[in-house]
Protein backbone atom coordinates (compact mmCIF):
# COMPACT_ATOMS: atom_id res chain seq x y z
CA MET A 1 115.46 137.55 62.69
CA ASN A 2 114.56 140.34 64.42
CA PHE A 3 114.41 143.09 61.90
CA ILE A 4 114.98 145.94 63.98
CA GLU A 5 117.93 144.24 65.91
CA GLU A 6 119.38 143.61 61.88
CA LEU A 7 118.91 147.06 61.16
CA LYS A 8 120.70 148.50 63.78
CA TRP A 9 124.21 146.37 63.69
CA ARG A 10 124.19 147.18 60.08
CA GLY A 11 123.97 150.92 60.67
CA MET A 12 120.59 151.57 58.61
CA ILE A 13 118.14 152.82 61.44
CA HIS A 14 118.28 156.77 61.07
CA ASP A 15 114.46 157.94 62.95
CA ILE A 16 112.13 155.08 64.13
CA MET A 17 108.42 156.01 65.29
CA PRO A 18 107.82 155.00 69.01
CA GLY A 19 105.77 151.67 69.25
CA THR A 20 107.51 150.88 65.71
CA GLU A 21 109.32 147.79 67.33
CA GLU A 22 107.01 146.20 69.68
CA LEU A 23 104.61 145.89 67.07
CA LEU A 24 107.02 144.28 64.50
CA SER A 25 107.83 141.69 67.00
CA LYS A 26 104.58 141.16 67.69
CA GLU A 27 102.68 140.20 64.53
CA VAL A 28 103.37 139.77 60.86
CA THR A 29 103.26 143.38 59.57
CA THR A 30 103.39 144.71 56.07
CA GLY A 31 105.33 147.75 55.54
CA TYR A 32 105.80 149.64 52.14
CA ILE A 33 108.64 151.97 50.17
CA GLY A 34 107.97 153.91 47.54
CA PHE A 35 110.53 154.68 44.43
CA ASP A 36 109.78 157.32 42.71
CA PRO A 37 109.62 156.47 38.65
CA THR A 38 111.70 159.26 37.38
CA ALA A 39 114.22 156.90 34.99
CA ASP A 40 113.57 153.62 33.71
CA SER A 41 116.11 152.02 36.01
CA LEU A 42 117.35 152.15 39.86
CA HIS A 43 120.92 153.33 40.77
CA ILE A 44 123.17 152.39 43.26
CA GLY A 45 121.78 155.32 45.58
CA HIS A 46 118.22 153.39 45.78
CA MET A 47 119.91 150.27 46.77
CA VAL A 48 119.66 151.37 50.62
CA GLN A 49 115.91 151.03 50.42
CA VAL A 50 115.81 147.74 48.44
CA MET A 51 117.50 146.33 50.73
CA LEU A 52 115.64 147.82 53.54
CA LEU A 53 112.75 145.63 52.18
CA VAL A 54 114.56 142.29 51.71
CA HIS A 55 115.59 142.66 55.39
CA PHE A 56 111.95 143.32 55.92
CA GLN A 57 111.01 139.82 53.76
CA ARG A 58 113.46 137.94 55.30
CA SER A 59 111.87 138.64 58.95
CA GLY A 60 109.09 137.50 57.48
CA HIS A 61 107.40 140.45 57.14
CA VAL A 62 104.99 141.79 54.08
CA PRO A 63 106.98 144.21 51.62
CA VAL A 64 105.30 146.81 49.45
CA ALA A 65 107.61 148.23 46.98
CA LEU A 66 105.22 151.37 45.80
CA ILE A 67 105.90 152.85 42.29
CA GLY A 68 105.13 156.15 42.22
CA GLY A 69 103.23 156.69 38.64
CA ALA A 70 101.17 159.61 40.40
CA THR A 71 103.93 161.21 42.58
CA GLY A 72 106.07 161.14 39.63
CA MET A 73 104.10 163.49 38.07
CA ILE A 74 104.55 166.28 40.79
CA GLY A 75 108.45 165.86 41.91
CA ASP A 76 109.01 165.28 45.82
CA PRO A 77 110.55 168.52 46.78
CA SER A 78 112.61 166.58 50.13
CA GLY A 79 116.26 167.47 49.57
CA LYS A 80 116.20 169.33 46.24
CA SER A 81 117.01 172.56 45.67
CA GLU A 82 114.87 173.21 42.34
CA GLU A 83 111.46 171.47 40.87
CA ARG A 84 111.54 168.59 39.25
CA ASN A 85 110.73 167.97 35.56
CA LEU A 86 107.38 166.60 34.98
CA LEU A 87 107.51 163.44 32.93
CA ASP A 88 104.23 162.02 30.39
CA GLU A 89 102.53 159.14 30.97
CA ALA A 90 104.37 157.15 28.44
CA THR A 91 107.84 157.76 29.86
CA LEU A 92 106.45 156.97 33.38
CA LEU A 93 105.00 153.33 31.96
CA LYS A 94 108.25 152.38 30.59
CA ASN A 95 110.08 153.71 33.69
CA GLN A 96 107.74 151.54 35.77
CA GLU A 97 108.39 148.69 33.96
CA GLY A 98 112.00 148.40 34.43
CA ILE A 99 111.99 149.77 38.02
CA LYS A 100 109.70 146.25 38.44
CA LYS A 101 111.87 144.03 36.75
CA GLN A 102 114.95 144.89 38.64
CA LEU A 103 112.93 144.61 41.91
CA SER A 104 111.97 141.14 41.17
CA LYS A 105 115.94 140.12 41.55
CA PHE A 106 115.49 141.43 45.35
CA LEU A 107 112.27 140.80 46.50
CA ASP A 108 109.92 137.62 45.97
CA PHE A 109 107.28 138.26 44.15
CA GLN A 110 106.14 134.65 43.17
CA SER A 111 106.53 132.11 46.05
CA ASP A 112 103.14 130.66 47.76
CA LYS A 113 104.85 132.42 50.98
CA LYS A 114 102.26 134.61 52.96
CA ASN A 115 104.59 137.60 53.24
CA ARG A 116 105.55 137.32 49.59
CA ALA A 117 106.00 140.93 48.13
CA ILE A 118 103.61 143.23 46.52
CA MET A 119 104.09 145.91 44.09
CA VAL A 120 101.58 148.73 43.69
CA ASN A 121 101.21 152.03 41.25
CA ASN A 122 100.34 154.93 43.00
CA TYR A 123 98.70 156.40 39.67
CA ASP A 124 96.21 153.56 39.97
CA TRP A 125 94.18 155.10 42.76
CA MET A 126 95.16 158.56 42.58
CA LYS A 127 93.92 158.82 38.98
CA GLU A 128 90.26 158.52 40.51
CA TYR A 129 90.36 161.70 42.62
CA SER A 130 89.29 164.64 41.10
CA PHE A 131 90.89 168.26 42.85
CA LEU A 132 87.57 168.91 44.87
CA GLY A 133 87.45 165.27 45.88
CA PHE A 134 90.93 165.33 47.08
CA ILE A 135 90.79 168.66 49.13
CA ARG A 136 87.44 167.47 50.75
CA ASP A 137 88.70 164.14 51.55
CA ILE A 138 92.25 164.48 52.36
CA GLY A 139 93.43 168.35 52.51
CA LYS A 140 90.80 169.21 55.22
CA HIS A 141 92.59 166.60 57.62
CA ILE A 142 95.97 168.04 57.40
CA THR A 143 96.52 171.78 58.36
CA VAL A 144 98.78 174.26 56.50
CA ASN A 145 100.78 175.24 59.77
CA TYR A 146 101.46 171.46 59.99
CA MET A 147 102.38 171.13 56.72
CA MET A 148 104.82 174.25 56.75
CA SER A 149 106.61 173.08 59.62
CA LYS A 150 108.34 170.13 57.81
CA ASP A 151 112.16 170.73 57.05
CA SER A 152 111.47 170.14 53.37
CA VAL A 153 109.15 173.22 52.75
CA LYS A 154 110.99 175.10 55.36
CA LYS A 155 114.09 175.28 53.11
CA ARG A 156 112.34 176.20 50.03
CA LEU A 157 109.95 178.92 51.44
CA GLY A 158 113.43 180.81 52.70
CA SER A 159 114.62 181.45 49.04
CA ASP A 160 112.95 184.32 46.95
CA GLU A 161 109.55 183.79 45.00
CA LYS A 162 111.62 182.65 41.61
CA GLU A 163 113.47 179.60 43.02
CA GLY A 164 110.58 179.15 45.95
CA MET A 165 108.26 176.23 46.07
CA SER A 166 105.35 175.74 43.85
CA PHE A 167 101.68 174.43 45.05
CA THR A 168 102.30 171.07 42.98
CA GLU A 169 105.21 170.42 45.25
CA PHE A 170 103.90 171.46 48.47
CA SER A 171 100.80 169.25 48.05
CA TYR A 172 103.24 166.51 47.73
CA GLN A 173 103.18 165.11 51.18
CA LEU A 174 99.29 164.78 51.22
CA VAL A 175 99.60 162.84 47.85
CA GLN A 176 102.10 160.21 49.50
CA GLY A 177 99.94 160.69 52.78
CA THR A 178 97.06 159.66 51.15
CA ASP A 179 99.14 156.36 49.37
CA PHE A 180 99.90 155.72 53.11
CA LEU A 181 96.24 155.95 53.77
CA TYR A 182 94.93 153.73 50.88
CA LEU A 183 97.49 151.38 51.61
CA TYR A 184 96.58 151.19 55.18
CA ASN A 185 92.70 150.68 54.07
CA GLU A 186 93.31 148.45 51.53
CA LEU A 187 96.72 146.02 52.60
CA GLY A 188 96.62 146.37 56.01
CA CYS A 189 99.77 148.44 55.79
CA ARG A 190 101.11 150.26 59.10
CA LEU A 191 104.80 150.79 58.72
CA GLN A 192 106.42 153.00 55.78
CA MET A 193 110.30 153.21 55.57
CA GLY A 194 112.69 155.55 53.17
CA GLY A 195 115.22 157.86 53.24
CA SER A 196 115.56 160.13 56.70
CA ASP A 197 114.99 163.03 54.03
CA GLN A 198 111.22 161.25 54.12
CA TRP A 199 110.64 161.41 57.81
CA GLY A 200 108.02 164.82 57.09
CA ASN A 201 106.49 163.18 54.26
CA ILE A 202 105.90 159.62 56.29
CA VAL A 203 104.57 161.00 59.66
CA THR A 204 101.84 163.38 57.38
CA GLY A 205 100.94 159.98 56.54
CA THR A 206 100.72 158.18 59.85
CA GLU A 207 99.16 161.76 61.02
CA LEU A 208 96.38 161.54 58.04
CA ILE A 209 95.89 157.75 59.19
CA ARG A 210 95.25 159.02 62.66
CA ARG A 211 92.71 161.42 62.05
CA LYS A 212 90.84 159.82 59.35
CA THR A 213 90.41 156.56 60.57
CA GLY A 214 91.23 156.91 64.62
CA GLY A 215 94.06 154.05 63.66
CA GLU A 216 97.83 153.78 64.57
CA ALA A 217 100.51 153.62 61.73
CA PHE A 218 103.86 154.12 62.06
CA ALA A 219 107.41 154.81 60.57
CA LEU A 220 111.14 154.24 60.44
CA THR A 221 113.88 155.82 58.01
CA CYS A 222 117.41 154.86 57.20
CA PRO A 223 120.48 157.01 57.09
CA LEU A 224 121.56 158.87 53.59
CA ILE A 225 124.58 157.45 52.54
CA THR A 226 127.64 159.71 52.08
CA LYS A 227 130.98 158.59 51.29
CA ALA A 228 133.91 159.19 53.81
CA ASP A 229 134.84 162.58 52.33
CA GLY A 230 131.43 163.78 52.59
CA SER A 231 131.01 163.46 48.83
CA LYS A 232 127.50 161.87 47.35
CA PHE A 233 127.48 158.48 47.40
CA GLY A 234 126.94 156.49 44.23
CA LYS A 235 127.76 159.28 42.11
CA THR A 236 131.07 159.00 39.42
CA GLU A 237 132.26 161.27 36.87
CA SER A 238 129.93 159.70 34.22
CA GLY A 239 127.20 160.18 36.15
CA ASN A 240 124.75 157.86 37.98
CA VAL A 241 125.73 154.11 39.12
CA TRP A 242 122.89 152.79 37.62
CA LEU A 243 121.55 148.56 38.19
CA ASP A 244 120.80 148.57 34.49
CA PRO A 245 123.81 147.00 32.68
CA GLU A 246 123.11 148.74 29.51
CA LYS A 247 123.65 152.49 31.78
CA THR A 248 126.60 150.93 33.83
CA SER A 249 128.01 148.02 32.70
CA PRO A 250 128.59 145.31 35.04
CA TYR A 251 132.57 145.71 35.09
CA HIS A 252 132.27 149.42 35.38
CA PHE A 253 129.60 148.54 38.82
CA TYR A 254 131.94 146.59 39.96
CA GLN A 255 135.24 148.09 39.78
CA PHE A 256 132.59 151.05 41.69
CA TRP A 257 132.90 148.87 44.80
CA LEU A 258 136.30 147.88 44.18
CA ASN A 259 137.72 151.24 44.44
CA VAL A 260 136.06 152.61 47.85
CA SER A 261 138.01 153.84 51.09
CA ASP A 262 138.32 151.52 53.65
CA GLU A 263 136.03 153.56 55.69
CA ASP A 264 133.37 153.27 53.47
CA ALA A 265 134.02 149.57 52.56
CA SER A 266 133.40 148.76 56.44
CA LYS A 267 130.21 150.43 56.14
CA TYR A 268 128.98 149.29 53.08
CA ILE A 269 129.44 146.08 53.68
CA LYS A 270 126.72 145.98 56.43
CA ILE A 271 124.33 147.82 54.08
CA PHE A 272 124.45 146.33 50.73
CA THR A 273 125.49 142.55 51.56
CA LEU A 274 123.13 140.06 53.09
CA LEU A 275 126.50 138.59 54.98
CA GLY A 276 126.29 138.06 58.67
CA ARG A 277 127.28 139.64 61.62
CA GLU A 278 130.48 137.34 62.39
CA GLU A 279 131.31 136.99 58.50
CA ILE A 280 131.41 140.84 58.20
CA GLU A 281 133.01 141.33 61.71
CA ASN A 282 136.07 138.50 60.78
CA LEU A 283 136.44 140.33 57.06
CA ILE A 284 137.22 143.07 58.57
CA ALA A 285 139.81 142.00 60.93
CA GLU A 286 141.28 140.30 58.33
CA HIS A 287 141.02 143.41 56.21
CA ASN A 288 142.95 145.42 58.87
CA LYS A 289 145.57 143.35 59.39
CA MET A 290 146.46 143.48 55.33
CA PRO A 291 144.91 146.36 54.18
CA HIS A 292 146.81 146.40 50.90
CA GLU A 293 144.97 143.31 50.35
CA ARG A 294 141.79 145.25 49.57
CA LEU A 295 139.71 141.72 51.23
CA LEU A 296 137.06 144.04 52.14
CA GLN A 297 136.48 145.77 48.88
CA LYS A 298 137.08 142.23 46.64
CA ARG A 299 134.34 140.81 48.74
CA LEU A 300 132.18 144.21 48.71
CA ALA A 301 132.29 143.98 44.96
CA GLU A 302 131.66 140.74 44.31
CA GLU A 303 128.62 140.21 46.73
CA VAL A 304 127.04 143.45 45.00
CA THR A 305 128.05 142.60 41.86
CA MET A 306 126.61 138.76 41.92
CA MET A 307 123.40 140.27 43.49
CA VAL A 308 122.28 142.65 41.11
CA HIS A 309 123.71 140.93 38.03
CA SER A 310 124.53 137.22 38.29
CA ARG A 311 127.25 134.64 38.92
CA SER A 312 128.19 134.53 35.50
CA GLU A 313 128.63 138.14 35.25
CA LEU A 314 130.52 138.32 38.02
CA ASP A 315 132.76 135.90 37.09
CA ALA A 316 132.94 137.43 33.85
CA VAL A 317 134.02 140.77 34.89
CA ILE A 318 136.67 139.50 37.24
CA GLU A 319 138.08 137.56 34.66
CA ALA A 320 137.87 140.77 32.77
CA SER A 321 139.56 142.40 35.16
CA GLN A 322 142.83 140.33 35.09
CA ILE A 323 143.41 141.59 31.60
CA LEU A 324 144.76 144.65 32.51
CA PHE A 325 147.22 143.10 35.33
CA GLY A 326 148.80 140.68 32.76
CA LYS A 327 146.77 137.70 33.58
CA GLY A 328 143.94 137.51 30.68
CA THR A 329 144.44 134.81 27.77
CA THR A 330 143.25 135.15 23.92
CA GLU A 331 139.84 132.77 25.08
CA SER A 332 139.13 135.16 27.82
CA LEU A 333 139.06 137.65 25.41
CA ARG A 334 137.11 136.05 22.75
CA LYS A 335 134.32 135.02 25.88
CA MET A 336 134.00 138.96 26.75
CA SER A 337 131.13 140.52 25.50
CA GLU A 338 131.39 143.79 23.61
CA ASN A 339 129.93 146.15 26.15
CA THR A 340 132.14 144.71 28.90
CA PHE A 341 135.38 144.74 26.52
CA LEU A 342 134.67 148.35 25.52
CA SER A 343 134.08 149.08 29.43
CA VAL A 344 137.61 147.57 30.68
CA PHE A 345 139.41 149.82 27.40
CA GLU A 346 137.85 152.45 27.81
CA GLY A 347 139.66 155.42 27.41
CA VAL A 348 142.80 153.34 25.88
CA PRO A 349 144.37 155.15 22.09
CA SER A 350 141.88 153.79 19.68
CA PHE A 351 142.26 153.84 15.50
CA ASP A 352 139.09 153.33 13.06
CA ILE A 353 140.43 151.11 10.56
CA LYS A 354 138.60 150.31 6.96
CA LYS A 355 137.31 146.48 7.41
CA GLU A 356 138.14 145.94 3.27
CA MET A 357 141.80 145.85 3.87
CA LEU A 358 141.69 141.98 5.86
CA ALA A 359 140.41 140.76 2.53
CA ASP A 360 143.16 141.92 0.94
CA GLY A 361 145.84 140.22 4.01
CA ILE A 362 147.13 143.34 4.90
CA THR A 363 150.36 142.97 7.10
CA PHE A 364 150.90 143.69 11.21
CA THR A 365 153.08 145.62 10.14
CA SER A 366 151.40 148.20 7.82
CA LEU A 367 148.46 147.73 9.96
CA CYS A 368 150.57 149.45 12.95
CA ALA A 369 152.61 151.75 11.71
CA GLU A 370 151.19 152.58 8.41
CA GLN A 371 147.32 152.38 8.86
CA SER A 372 147.82 153.64 13.05
CA GLN A 373 149.94 155.24 14.91
CA VAL A 374 150.46 152.13 17.40
CA PHE A 375 154.08 152.36 16.39
CA ALA A 376 155.80 155.48 15.64
CA SER A 377 157.80 153.22 12.72
CA LYS A 378 158.27 149.80 11.14
CA GLY A 379 161.67 150.40 12.78
CA GLU A 380 160.67 149.97 16.44
CA LEU A 381 157.73 147.52 15.56
CA ARG A 382 160.37 145.40 14.79
CA ARG A 383 162.92 145.83 17.17
CA MET A 384 159.85 145.32 20.02
CA VAL A 385 158.34 142.02 18.08
CA GLN A 386 161.92 140.74 18.69
CA GLY A 387 162.51 141.42 22.22
CA GLY A 388 158.92 139.64 22.70
CA GLY A 389 157.23 142.88 23.77
CA VAL A 390 154.24 142.79 21.46
CA SER A 391 151.04 140.59 21.04
CA ILE A 392 147.23 140.74 19.50
CA ASN A 393 144.60 139.58 21.49
CA LYS A 394 146.97 138.18 23.74
CA THR A 395 148.26 136.18 21.97
CA LYS A 396 152.70 137.43 21.08
CA VAL A 397 153.68 138.40 17.83
CA GLU A 398 156.94 136.25 16.47
CA ASP A 399 156.52 137.70 12.66
CA PRO A 400 156.21 140.79 11.97
CA ASP A 401 154.90 140.58 8.77
CA GLN A 402 152.30 137.99 9.78
CA PRO A 403 148.87 138.59 7.82
CA VAL A 404 146.01 139.86 9.40
CA ILE A 405 143.06 138.24 9.08
CA ALA A 406 139.08 138.72 9.75
CA ASP A 407 139.38 135.75 11.95
CA LEU A 408 141.15 137.75 14.69
CA LEU A 409 138.57 139.88 15.27
CA LEU A 410 137.19 140.07 18.81
CA ASN A 411 132.91 140.87 18.44
CA LYS A 412 133.98 140.65 14.74
CA LYS A 413 135.29 144.51 15.34
CA TYR A 414 138.06 144.51 17.21
CA LEU A 415 141.86 143.88 17.79
CA LEU A 416 143.60 144.86 21.06
CA ILE A 417 147.34 145.68 20.69
CA GLN A 418 149.70 145.12 23.26
CA LYS A 419 153.26 146.73 23.64
CA GLY A 420 154.85 145.93 26.60
CA LYS A 421 153.35 145.30 29.92
CA LYS A 422 151.09 148.27 30.28
CA ASN A 423 150.35 149.92 26.70
CA PHE A 424 147.08 148.85 25.07
CA TYR A 425 145.71 149.92 21.70
CA LEU A 426 142.34 149.33 20.02
CA LEU A 427 142.05 149.02 16.70
CA ARG A 428 138.44 149.32 15.56
CA PHE A 429 136.93 147.89 11.83
CA VAL A 430 134.54 149.42 10.46
C-alpha cells in the first residue's frame, strides 16, 4: 500500500514537506506522532492521528507513538488562546497508561514483524536535561527570529501581557524539536506527523536535525477535522466523545457517529474507517439514492464502534438501540450492562423507590400510581392496562394488581415501565 496515495484519496493530507513521498516509496521509514497525556483517555479528536499511524503501519513502515510525559508538563500553545494547566507526575503516569492501553487496540506493538509499533515517553530523555545543558545543546541552534515566525507564537504575542505567552510555552517548539532529534538519533526516525496546527513545531524539529547533524528529516500534517456547519468536531453538549467506555458509553459513542450529517458522513467514513476506496464509493452512491435510510451513517457508526470497542459491544448497542423503536425484548434488556441501559434511557422520567417494598409484595398499581407518578391515577392505569398499552421490562402487563417482586429487577436495581409506544419511565430501587 502506498501511504501517501492512501492518505490523498482519504482527504488526510494538509501539508507535506518536499521529498517525503520519495523517501517513503524508497525505504521502510520510521515515523512518529506525539500524544500529550492531558487525560487518561484519548477522544475522537485524536483519532485522525491514530489513523495516520494505522495507515503508516499497514503500508509497511514503523510507527512510533510518543507519549508526551515531559511536554504534557508544559502545555502546547498551538491553537490555544490560553496556557494549559500543568499536571503532576502521578497524574501524568496514570494518563500515559490509559493512552497506551487504547493505542494497543489500533497498532501492533507485540508481533515479531519488523515494522511493529514502538511506544516511547519523552520524559525518559527530557528528565536528564539540566536547564543549562538544554539551552547550550538545543537553544543555540534555533534563533528567536525563527521561533517567532511561527503562527502559533504570532497569534499569542499579539495579545496583551496578561494573556500573552509564557517563556515555558514559547520554549515548547524547542522541546518538541528535541524529541524529533532524539528519535532521529536513537531510532533512525525521519518523519514526524500530526495535525495541521503542529506544522510549525514539526518543522522546527526538521531544522534542528539539519543544523545539529546535517541530516534530513521530513514532515506531514493532516487537516483539523470540523463539522459541515463549521462547529468543532468531537464535541457534544456533554463534552468530548472519549474512547474510554467509562467516560463515553459505547451506546453514546455509536449514537454520535449515527447522527452526523450526510456531508460529514461521506468525509468521516474515509478518515475514520479502514474500508477500501471502491467499497466507500459504492456506499456513498447507495446512500445518495436513499438518503433517508442513512446507510453511510449506519456503516460509519458500526465500523468505528467495532474498532474502538469490540464486535460484542457493537452488537449490544445495536440491540439496545432497537428498544427505543419497539423492537427490543425482555431478554435483550436483561443482557444489557447497567452502563448501556442508563445510556439508552438517559433523560427519561425516573423515580426512586425503597427496595423493602418488594419484600411486601407491592402491586403494580400501587407502585406506579401511589409510590411514583408514572400514572396520574389508578383509573388511568387500569384503562391503559385493559387496552394493552402498558409493559414492564418490555413484557405486557395483563393484571394491574400483579405483585412486583425482586426477580423482575434489571441489574438488580431497575424496572422499565412503558406507556403506549414512546413513553418510558424508570423505577430505581434503592
